[in-house]
Amino acid sequence: MKAHRKKKLITILSSLVLLSTAVGLLLYAIGDYADAFYEPSRVVNGDAPLNKTIRVGGLVTTGSVKRAKDSLYVEFDITDNQEVITITFDKSLPDLFREGQGIMAEGKLVDSKTLKATKVLAKHDEKYMPPEIAETLKKSHKDGVKKMEQQGEKQKGSY
């Protein structure tokens, strides 16, 4: 084999090895951060894995928020209008967290009805609904999101 061909072959093979390594590392990193989204009904049905970080979204059930008196610990239920699961959280809740509004919690399942959350995200204004939660609610309760959208349109006209 001639010297220039040998150099070219080594360069191409080295580039392929580096590219393969970079793609492998990228896929590994994405796998760590690609937390799946589940609705409460899928969690209760056993579709969500235990002891793996997942995201669960739904509406905070009215009257379900229980706060500890001596710490930040809070427990509340969320629903997708089919099933209810309990979220436990030991940090400060977002300012916009309210009963009856949409949230998304990230954490690990303790069992099929309890999620120990590490993050809780609340919707950021009266009209916003995270797409995953809106889709879940549309599927599980045909009129729920339509009513919310109509209320949002009425509120727009009142300003």
N, C-alpha and C. Protein backbone atom coordinates (compact mmCIF):
# COMPACT_ATOMS: atom_id res chain seq x y z
N MET A 1 0.85 -1.18 0.00
CA MET A 1 0.00 0.00 0.00
C MET A 1 0.90 1.24 0.00
N LYS A 2 0.52 2.19 -0.80
CA LYS A 2 1.30 3.42 -0.90
C LYS A 2 1.12 4.27 0.35
N ALA A 3 2.09 5.10 0.64
CA ALA A 3 2.11 5.91 1.87
C ALA A 3 0.94 6.87 1.96
N HIS A 4 0.59 7.52 0.85
CA HIS A 4 -0.51 8.49 0.91
C HIS A 4 -1.86 7.80 1.11
N ARG A 5 -2.02 6.58 0.54
CA ARG A 5 -3.26 5.83 0.75
C ARG A 5 -3.36 5.34 2.19
N LYS A 6 -2.23 4.93 2.74
CA LYS A 6 -2.20 4.47 4.12
C LYS A 6 -2.58 5.61 5.07
N LYS A 7 -2.05 6.80 4.81
CA LYS A 7 -2.37 7.98 5.61
C LYS A 7 -3.87 8.31 5.53
N LYS A 8 -4.39 8.24 4.31
CA LYS A 8 -5.81 8.53 4.08
C LYS A 8 -6.70 7.53 4.82
N LEU A 9 -6.33 6.24 4.74
CA LEU A 9 -7.09 5.19 5.42
C LEU A 9 -7.07 5.39 6.93
N ILE A 10 -5.91 5.71 7.48
CA ILE A 10 -5.79 5.95 8.93
C ILE A 10 -6.63 7.15 9.34
N THR A 11 -6.62 8.21 8.55
CA THR A 11 -7.42 9.41 8.83
C THR A 11 -8.91 9.08 8.82
N ILE A 12 -9.35 8.33 7.81
CA ILE A 12 -10.78 7.97 7.71
C ILE A 12 -11.20 7.08 8.87
N LEU A 13 -10.39 6.07 9.19
CA LEU A 13 -10.72 5.17 10.30
C LEU A 13 -10.73 5.90 11.64
N SER A 14 -9.78 6.78 11.84
CA SER A 14 -9.75 7.58 13.08
C SER A 14 -10.98 8.46 13.20
N SER A 15 -11.37 9.07 12.09
CA SER A 15 -12.57 9.92 12.08
C SER A 15 -13.82 9.11 12.41
N LEU A 16 -13.93 7.91 11.84
CA LEU A 16 -15.08 7.05 12.12
C LEU A 16 -15.13 6.63 13.59
N VAL A 17 -13.99 6.29 14.16
CA VAL A 17 -13.94 5.91 15.57
C VAL A 17 -14.36 7.09 16.45
N LEU A 18 -13.84 8.28 16.17
CA LEU A 18 -14.21 9.47 16.95
C LEU A 18 -15.70 9.80 16.80
N LEU A 19 -16.21 9.72 15.59
CA LEU A 19 -17.62 10.00 15.34
C LEU A 19 -18.51 8.98 16.06
N SER A 20 -18.14 7.71 15.99
CA SER A 20 -18.91 6.66 16.68
C SER A 20 -18.91 6.89 18.19
N THR A 21 -17.77 7.25 18.73
CA THR A 21 -17.67 7.52 20.17
C THR A 21 -18.54 8.71 20.55
N ALA A 22 -18.51 9.77 19.76
CA ALA A 22 -19.32 10.96 20.04
C ALA A 22 -20.81 10.63 19.99
N VAL A 23 -21.24 9.88 18.99
CA VAL A 23 -22.65 9.50 18.87
C VAL A 23 -23.06 8.61 20.05
N GLY A 24 -22.20 7.67 20.42
CA GLY A 24 -22.50 6.80 21.56
C GLY A 24 -22.66 7.58 22.86
N LEU A 25 -21.76 8.52 23.11
CA LEU A 25 -21.86 9.35 24.32
C LEU A 25 -23.11 10.22 24.30
N LEU A 26 -23.45 10.75 23.14
CA LEU A 26 -24.66 11.57 23.01
C LEU A 26 -25.91 10.75 23.31
N LEU A 27 -26.00 9.56 22.74
CA LEU A 27 -27.16 8.70 23.00
C LEU A 27 -27.24 8.29 24.47
N TYR A 28 -26.10 8.03 25.08
CA TYR A 28 -26.08 7.69 26.50
C TYR A 28 -26.59 8.86 27.34
N ALA A 29 -26.14 10.07 27.02
CA ALA A 29 -26.56 11.26 27.77
C ALA A 29 -28.04 11.53 27.57
N ILE A 30 -28.54 11.38 26.36
CA ILE A 30 -29.97 11.61 26.10
C ILE A 30 -30.80 10.60 26.87
N GLY A 31 -30.34 9.37 26.94
CA GLY A 31 -31.07 8.34 27.68
C GLY A 31 -31.24 8.68 29.15
N ASP A 32 -30.26 9.33 29.73
CA ASP A 32 -30.34 9.72 31.14
C ASP A 32 -31.34 10.84 31.37
N TYR A 33 -31.55 11.69 30.37
CA TYR A 33 -32.42 12.85 30.55
C TYR A 33 -33.78 12.72 29.87
N ALA A 34 -34.01 11.65 29.19
CA ALA A 34 -35.28 11.46 28.49
C ALA A 34 -36.29 10.81 29.44
N ASP A 35 -36.71 11.54 30.44
CA ASP A 35 -37.69 11.02 31.39
C ASP A 35 -39.05 10.96 30.72
N ALA A 36 -39.71 9.85 30.85
CA ALA A 36 -41.00 9.65 30.20
C ALA A 36 -42.11 10.38 30.96
N PHE A 37 -43.13 10.80 30.21
CA PHE A 37 -44.30 11.45 30.80
C PHE A 37 -45.42 10.42 30.91
N TYR A 38 -46.07 10.39 32.07
CA TYR A 38 -47.18 9.48 32.30
C TYR A 38 -48.36 10.23 32.89
N GLU A 39 -49.56 9.76 32.56
CA GLU A 39 -50.77 10.27 33.18
C GLU A 39 -51.04 9.43 34.42
N PRO A 40 -51.80 9.95 35.40
CA PRO A 40 -52.12 9.16 36.58
C PRO A 40 -52.74 7.80 36.26
N SER A 41 -53.60 7.71 35.25
CA SER A 41 -54.22 6.43 34.93
C SER A 41 -53.19 5.41 34.44
N ARG A 42 -52.18 5.83 33.70
CA ARG A 42 -51.14 4.91 33.25
C ARG A 42 -50.26 4.48 34.42
N VAL A 43 -50.03 5.39 35.37
CA VAL A 43 -49.24 5.05 36.55
C VAL A 43 -49.97 3.98 37.37
N VAL A 44 -51.25 4.20 37.63
CA VAL A 44 -52.05 3.26 38.43
C VAL A 44 -52.14 1.90 37.73
N ASN A 45 -52.22 1.91 36.40
CA ASN A 45 -52.32 0.66 35.64
C ASN A 45 -51.00 -0.10 35.56
N GLY A 46 -49.92 0.48 36.09
CA GLY A 46 -48.64 -0.22 36.13
C GLY A 46 -47.75 0.01 34.92
N ASP A 47 -48.08 0.98 34.07
CA ASP A 47 -47.26 1.26 32.88
C ASP A 47 -45.96 1.97 33.22
N ALA A 48 -45.91 2.68 34.33
CA ALA A 48 -44.73 3.45 34.71
C ALA A 48 -43.80 2.60 35.59
N PRO A 49 -42.48 2.70 35.37
CA PRO A 49 -41.53 1.90 36.15
C PRO A 49 -41.31 2.46 37.56
N LEU A 50 -41.13 1.56 38.52
CA LEU A 50 -40.79 1.96 39.88
C LEU A 50 -39.30 2.31 39.95
N ASN A 51 -38.94 3.21 40.85
CA ASN A 51 -37.55 3.60 41.11
C ASN A 51 -36.79 4.11 39.88
N LYS A 52 -37.51 4.70 38.94
CA LYS A 52 -36.89 5.36 37.79
C LYS A 52 -37.54 6.74 37.68
N THR A 53 -36.75 7.75 37.37
CA THR A 53 -37.29 9.11 37.29
C THR A 53 -38.27 9.22 36.13
N ILE A 54 -39.48 9.69 36.46
CA ILE A 54 -40.53 9.90 35.46
C ILE A 54 -41.18 11.25 35.72
N ARG A 55 -42.03 11.66 34.78
CA ARG A 55 -42.84 12.87 34.95
C ARG A 55 -44.30 12.46 34.93
N VAL A 56 -45.07 13.03 35.84
CA VAL A 56 -46.50 12.77 35.91
C VAL A 56 -47.21 14.11 35.93
N GLY A 57 -48.28 14.21 35.16
CA GLY A 57 -49.00 15.48 35.12
C GLY A 57 -50.50 15.29 35.25
N GLY A 58 -51.15 16.31 35.79
CA GLY A 58 -52.59 16.29 35.94
C GLY A 58 -53.05 17.51 36.71
N LEU A 59 -54.31 17.47 37.12
CA LEU A 59 -54.89 18.56 37.90
C LEU A 59 -54.80 18.24 39.38
N VAL A 60 -54.45 19.23 40.19
CA VAL A 60 -54.40 19.05 41.64
C VAL A 60 -55.84 18.92 42.14
N THR A 61 -56.13 17.82 42.82
CA THR A 61 -57.47 17.56 43.32
C THR A 61 -57.81 18.53 44.44
N THR A 62 -58.98 19.15 44.34
CA THR A 62 -59.43 20.12 45.34
C THR A 62 -59.58 19.44 46.70
N GLY A 63 -59.02 20.07 47.73
CA GLY A 63 -59.12 19.56 49.10
C GLY A 63 -58.09 18.50 49.45
N SER A 64 -57.15 18.22 48.55
CA SER A 64 -56.20 17.13 48.80
C SER A 64 -54.85 17.59 49.35
N VAL A 65 -54.59 18.89 49.39
CA VAL A 65 -53.28 19.38 49.81
C VAL A 65 -53.15 19.31 51.33
N LYS A 66 -52.12 18.57 51.79
CA LYS A 66 -51.85 18.43 53.23
C LYS A 66 -50.41 18.87 53.47
N ARG A 67 -50.24 19.89 54.30
CA ARG A 67 -48.91 20.44 54.59
C ARG A 67 -48.50 20.09 56.02
N ALA A 68 -47.20 19.81 56.20
CA ALA A 68 -46.65 19.59 57.53
C ALA A 68 -46.50 20.95 58.21
N LYS A 69 -46.74 20.99 59.52
CA LYS A 69 -46.66 22.27 60.25
C LYS A 69 -45.22 22.71 60.49
N ASP A 70 -44.31 21.74 60.64
CA ASP A 70 -42.94 22.09 61.04
C ASP A 70 -41.89 21.94 59.93
N SER A 71 -42.33 21.70 58.69
CA SER A 71 -41.38 21.57 57.58
C SER A 71 -42.05 21.94 56.26
N LEU A 72 -41.33 21.83 55.18
CA LEU A 72 -41.87 22.13 53.85
C LEU A 72 -42.64 20.96 53.25
N TYR A 73 -42.63 19.81 53.92
CA TYR A 73 -43.26 18.60 53.39
C TYR A 73 -44.73 18.85 53.06
N VAL A 74 -45.11 18.42 51.86
CA VAL A 74 -46.50 18.55 51.42
C VAL A 74 -46.90 17.29 50.65
N GLU A 75 -48.16 16.95 50.76
CA GLU A 75 -48.74 15.82 50.06
C GLU A 75 -49.99 16.31 49.35
N PHE A 76 -50.19 15.91 48.10
CA PHE A 76 -51.40 16.28 47.40
C PHE A 76 -51.70 15.24 46.33
N ASP A 77 -52.93 15.23 45.86
CA ASP A 77 -53.35 14.29 44.83
C ASP A 77 -53.49 15.01 43.50
N ILE A 78 -53.17 14.28 42.42
CA ILE A 78 -53.45 14.79 41.08
C ILE A 78 -54.29 13.77 40.33
N THR A 79 -55.05 14.25 39.37
CA THR A 79 -55.94 13.38 38.61
C THR A 79 -55.89 13.72 37.13
N ASP A 80 -56.23 12.73 36.32
CA ASP A 80 -56.43 12.95 34.89
C ASP A 80 -57.90 12.73 34.56
N ASN A 81 -58.76 12.88 35.57
CA ASN A 81 -60.20 12.67 35.50
C ASN A 81 -60.58 11.19 35.36
N GLN A 82 -59.59 10.29 35.51
CA GLN A 82 -59.87 8.86 35.53
C GLN A 82 -59.33 8.23 36.81
N GLU A 83 -58.08 8.50 37.11
CA GLU A 83 -57.42 7.95 38.30
C GLU A 83 -56.77 9.07 39.09
N VAL A 84 -56.44 8.76 40.34
CA VAL A 84 -55.81 9.73 41.24
C VAL A 84 -54.54 9.11 41.80
N ILE A 85 -53.45 9.90 41.84
CA ILE A 85 -52.24 9.46 42.53
C ILE A 85 -51.80 10.55 43.49
N THR A 86 -51.06 10.14 44.51
CA THR A 86 -50.57 11.06 45.53
C THR A 86 -49.13 11.46 45.21
N ILE A 87 -48.86 12.75 45.34
CA ILE A 87 -47.51 13.29 45.15
C ILE A 87 -47.01 13.74 46.51
N THR A 88 -45.79 13.32 46.88
CA THR A 88 -45.15 13.82 48.10
C THR A 88 -43.98 14.69 47.68
N PHE A 89 -43.77 15.78 48.41
CA PHE A 89 -42.74 16.75 48.03
C PHE A 89 -42.23 17.41 49.29
N ASP A 90 -40.90 17.57 49.41
CA ASP A 90 -40.34 18.14 50.64
C ASP A 90 -39.55 19.43 50.40
N LYS A 91 -39.93 20.14 49.34
CA LYS A 91 -39.30 21.43 49.04
C LYS A 91 -40.40 22.47 48.91
N SER A 92 -40.00 23.68 48.63
CA SER A 92 -40.97 24.76 48.46
C SER A 92 -41.72 24.61 47.14
N LEU A 93 -43.05 24.68 47.21
CA LEU A 93 -43.87 24.59 46.00
C LEU A 93 -43.80 25.89 45.20
N PRO A 94 -44.03 25.82 43.89
CA PRO A 94 -44.04 27.05 43.09
C PRO A 94 -45.14 28.00 43.56
N ASP A 95 -44.94 29.30 43.39
CA ASP A 95 -45.92 30.30 43.81
C ASP A 95 -47.27 30.11 43.13
N LEU A 96 -47.28 29.60 41.91
CA LEU A 96 -48.53 29.45 41.17
C LEU A 96 -49.24 28.12 41.44
N PHE A 97 -48.73 27.32 42.36
CA PHE A 97 -49.35 26.05 42.71
C PHE A 97 -50.68 26.31 43.40
N ARG A 98 -51.75 25.72 42.88
CA ARG A 98 -53.09 25.87 43.48
C ARG A 98 -53.90 24.60 43.23
N GLU A 99 -54.87 24.37 44.09
CA GLU A 99 -55.79 23.27 43.88
C GLU A 99 -56.62 23.54 42.64
N GLY A 100 -56.91 22.48 41.89
CA GLY A 100 -57.73 22.61 40.69
C GLY A 100 -56.96 23.04 39.45
N GLN A 101 -55.64 23.24 39.57
CA GLN A 101 -54.85 23.67 38.42
C GLN A 101 -53.86 22.58 38.01
N GLY A 102 -53.38 22.70 36.78
CA GLY A 102 -52.47 21.71 36.22
C GLY A 102 -51.05 21.84 36.75
N ILE A 103 -50.44 20.70 37.04
CA ILE A 103 -49.03 20.66 37.46
C ILE A 103 -48.35 19.49 36.77
N MET A 104 -47.03 19.52 36.79
CA MET A 104 -46.24 18.38 36.36
C MET A 104 -45.23 18.12 37.46
N ALA A 105 -45.15 16.87 37.91
CA ALA A 105 -44.22 16.49 38.96
C ALA A 105 -43.21 15.51 38.39
N GLU A 106 -41.95 15.68 38.78
CA GLU A 106 -40.89 14.78 38.35
C GLU A 106 -40.34 14.10 39.58
N GLY A 107 -40.18 12.79 39.51
CA GLY A 107 -39.65 12.05 40.65
C GLY A 107 -39.72 10.55 40.40
N LYS A 108 -39.67 9.79 41.51
CA LYS A 108 -39.68 8.33 41.42
C LYS A 108 -40.92 7.78 42.11
N LEU A 109 -41.48 6.73 41.52
CA LEU A 109 -42.65 6.08 42.11
C LEU A 109 -42.24 5.26 43.32
N VAL A 110 -42.98 5.44 44.40
CA VAL A 110 -42.80 4.62 45.60
C VAL A 110 -43.62 3.34 45.43
N ASP A 111 -44.84 3.51 44.93
CA ASP A 111 -45.72 2.40 44.56
C ASP A 111 -46.61 2.91 43.43
N SER A 112 -47.61 2.12 43.03
CA SER A 112 -48.43 2.50 41.87
C SER A 112 -49.36 3.68 42.12
N LYS A 113 -49.40 4.18 43.36
CA LYS A 113 -50.28 5.31 43.66
C LYS A 113 -49.56 6.48 44.32
N THR A 114 -48.22 6.41 44.47
CA THR A 114 -47.48 7.47 45.16
C THR A 114 -46.18 7.80 44.43
N LEU A 115 -45.98 9.09 44.15
CA LEU A 115 -44.75 9.57 43.52
C LEU A 115 -44.04 10.48 44.51
N LYS A 116 -42.76 10.18 44.78
CA LYS A 116 -41.94 11.07 45.61
C LYS A 116 -41.26 12.04 44.64
N ALA A 117 -41.74 13.28 44.62
CA ALA A 117 -41.29 14.27 43.64
C ALA A 117 -40.00 14.96 44.06
N THR A 118 -39.17 15.24 43.06
CA THR A 118 -37.98 16.06 43.26
C THR A 118 -38.19 17.45 42.66
N LYS A 119 -39.16 17.56 41.74
CA LYS A 119 -39.53 18.85 41.13
C LYS A 119 -41.03 18.89 40.96
N VAL A 120 -41.60 20.07 41.16
CA VAL A 120 -43.02 20.31 40.86
C VAL A 120 -43.09 21.59 40.05
N LEU A 121 -43.70 21.50 38.89
CA LEU A 121 -43.85 22.65 38.00
C LEU A 121 -45.33 22.99 37.89
N ALA A 122 -45.66 24.26 38.08
CA ALA A 122 -47.05 24.71 37.98
C ALA A 122 -47.21 25.50 36.70
N LYS A 123 -48.45 25.55 36.22
CA LYS A 123 -48.68 26.36 35.02
C LYS A 123 -48.39 27.82 35.33
N HIS A 124 -48.04 28.59 34.30
CA HIS A 124 -47.54 29.93 34.59
C HIS A 124 -48.52 31.07 34.37
N ASP A 125 -49.71 30.82 33.90
CA ASP A 125 -50.76 31.84 33.90
C ASP A 125 -52.11 31.16 33.78
N GLU A 126 -53.19 31.93 33.79
CA GLU A 126 -54.53 31.35 33.81
C GLU A 126 -54.84 30.53 32.57
N LYS A 127 -54.25 30.85 31.45
CA LYS A 127 -54.63 30.21 30.20
C LYS A 127 -53.69 29.08 29.78
N TYR A 128 -52.51 29.00 30.38
CA TYR A 128 -51.52 28.02 29.95
C TYR A 128 -51.80 26.65 30.55
N MET A 129 -51.64 25.62 29.72
CA MET A 129 -51.73 24.24 30.16
C MET A 129 -50.61 23.49 29.45
N PRO A 130 -49.70 22.81 30.17
CA PRO A 130 -48.65 22.06 29.50
C PRO A 130 -49.26 21.11 28.47
N PRO A 131 -48.67 20.99 27.28
CA PRO A 131 -49.27 20.20 26.21
C PRO A 131 -49.58 18.76 26.61
N GLU A 132 -48.68 18.13 27.37
CA GLU A 132 -48.91 16.74 27.77
C GLU A 132 -50.16 16.63 28.64
N ILE A 133 -50.33 17.57 29.56
CA ILE A 133 -51.48 17.53 30.46
C ILE A 133 -52.75 17.83 29.69
N ALA A 134 -52.72 18.82 28.80
CA ALA A 134 -53.90 19.16 28.00
C ALA A 134 -54.33 17.97 27.16
N GLU A 135 -53.38 17.27 26.55
CA GLU A 135 -53.69 16.10 25.72
C GLU A 135 -54.31 14.99 26.57
N THR A 136 -53.75 14.76 27.75
CA THR A 136 -54.28 13.75 28.66
C THR A 136 -55.71 14.08 29.05
N LEU A 137 -55.94 15.33 29.42
CA LEU A 137 -57.28 15.73 29.84
C LEU A 137 -58.27 15.69 28.68
N LYS A 138 -57.82 16.00 27.46
CA LYS A 138 -58.70 15.90 26.30
C LYS A 138 -59.15 14.46 26.10
N LYS A 139 -58.20 13.53 26.24
CA LYS A 139 -58.52 12.12 26.03
C LYS A 139 -59.46 11.60 27.12
N SER A 140 -59.20 11.99 28.37
CA SER A 140 -59.95 11.40 29.48
C SER A 140 -61.25 12.13 29.80
N HIS A 141 -61.35 13.37 29.43
CA HIS A 141 -62.56 14.14 29.75
C HIS A 141 -62.84 15.09 28.60
N LYS A 142 -63.70 14.67 27.70
CA LYS A 142 -63.93 15.38 26.44
C LYS A 142 -64.21 16.86 26.61
N ASP A 143 -65.02 17.21 27.58
CA ASP A 143 -65.43 18.60 27.71
C ASP A 143 -64.52 19.43 28.61
N GLY A 144 -63.63 18.80 29.37
CA GLY A 144 -62.82 19.52 30.35
C GLY A 144 -61.98 20.63 29.77
N VAL A 145 -61.22 20.33 28.74
CA VAL A 145 -60.34 21.35 28.16
C VAL A 145 -61.15 22.36 27.37
N LYS A 146 -62.22 21.91 26.70
CA LYS A 146 -63.06 22.84 25.95
C LYS A 146 -63.64 23.90 26.88
N LYS A 147 -64.11 23.47 28.05
CA LYS A 147 -64.66 24.42 29.01
C LYS A 147 -63.59 25.39 29.48
N MET A 148 -62.39 24.87 29.72
CA MET A 148 -61.30 25.74 30.16
C MET A 148 -60.95 26.75 29.06
N GLU A 149 -60.95 26.29 27.78
CA GLU A 149 -60.65 27.19 26.67
C GLU A 149 -61.73 28.26 26.55
N GLN A 150 -63.01 27.86 26.73
CA GLN A 150 -64.11 28.82 26.64
C GLN A 150 -64.01 29.85 27.76
N GLN A 151 -63.64 29.40 28.95
CA GLN A 151 -63.48 30.34 30.06
C GLN A 151 -62.35 31.31 29.77
N GLY A 152 -61.27 30.80 29.15
CA GLY A 152 -60.15 31.66 28.79
C GLY A 152 -60.56 32.71 27.78
N GLU A 153 -61.42 32.33 26.81
CA GLU A 153 -61.90 33.28 25.81
C GLU A 153 -62.80 34.33 26.46
N LYS A 154 -63.63 33.92 27.41
CA LYS A 154 -64.50 34.87 28.12
C LYS A 154 -63.65 35.87 28.90
N GLN A 155 -62.58 35.36 29.53
CA GLN A 155 -61.70 36.24 30.31
C GLN A 155 -60.99 37.23 29.41
N LYS A 156 -60.62 36.80 28.20
CA LYS A 156 -59.96 37.71 27.26
C LYS A 156 -60.86 38.90 26.94
N GLY A 157 -62.16 38.62 26.75
CA GLY A 157 -63.09 39.67 26.39
C GLY A 157 -63.40 40.62 27.53
N SER A 158 -63.12 40.22 28.76
CA SER A 158 -63.49 41.06 29.91
C SER A 158 -62.42 42.08 30.27
N TYR A 159 -61.29 42.09 29.61
CA TYR A 159 -60.22 43.04 29.94
C TYR A 159 -60.43 44.37 29.30
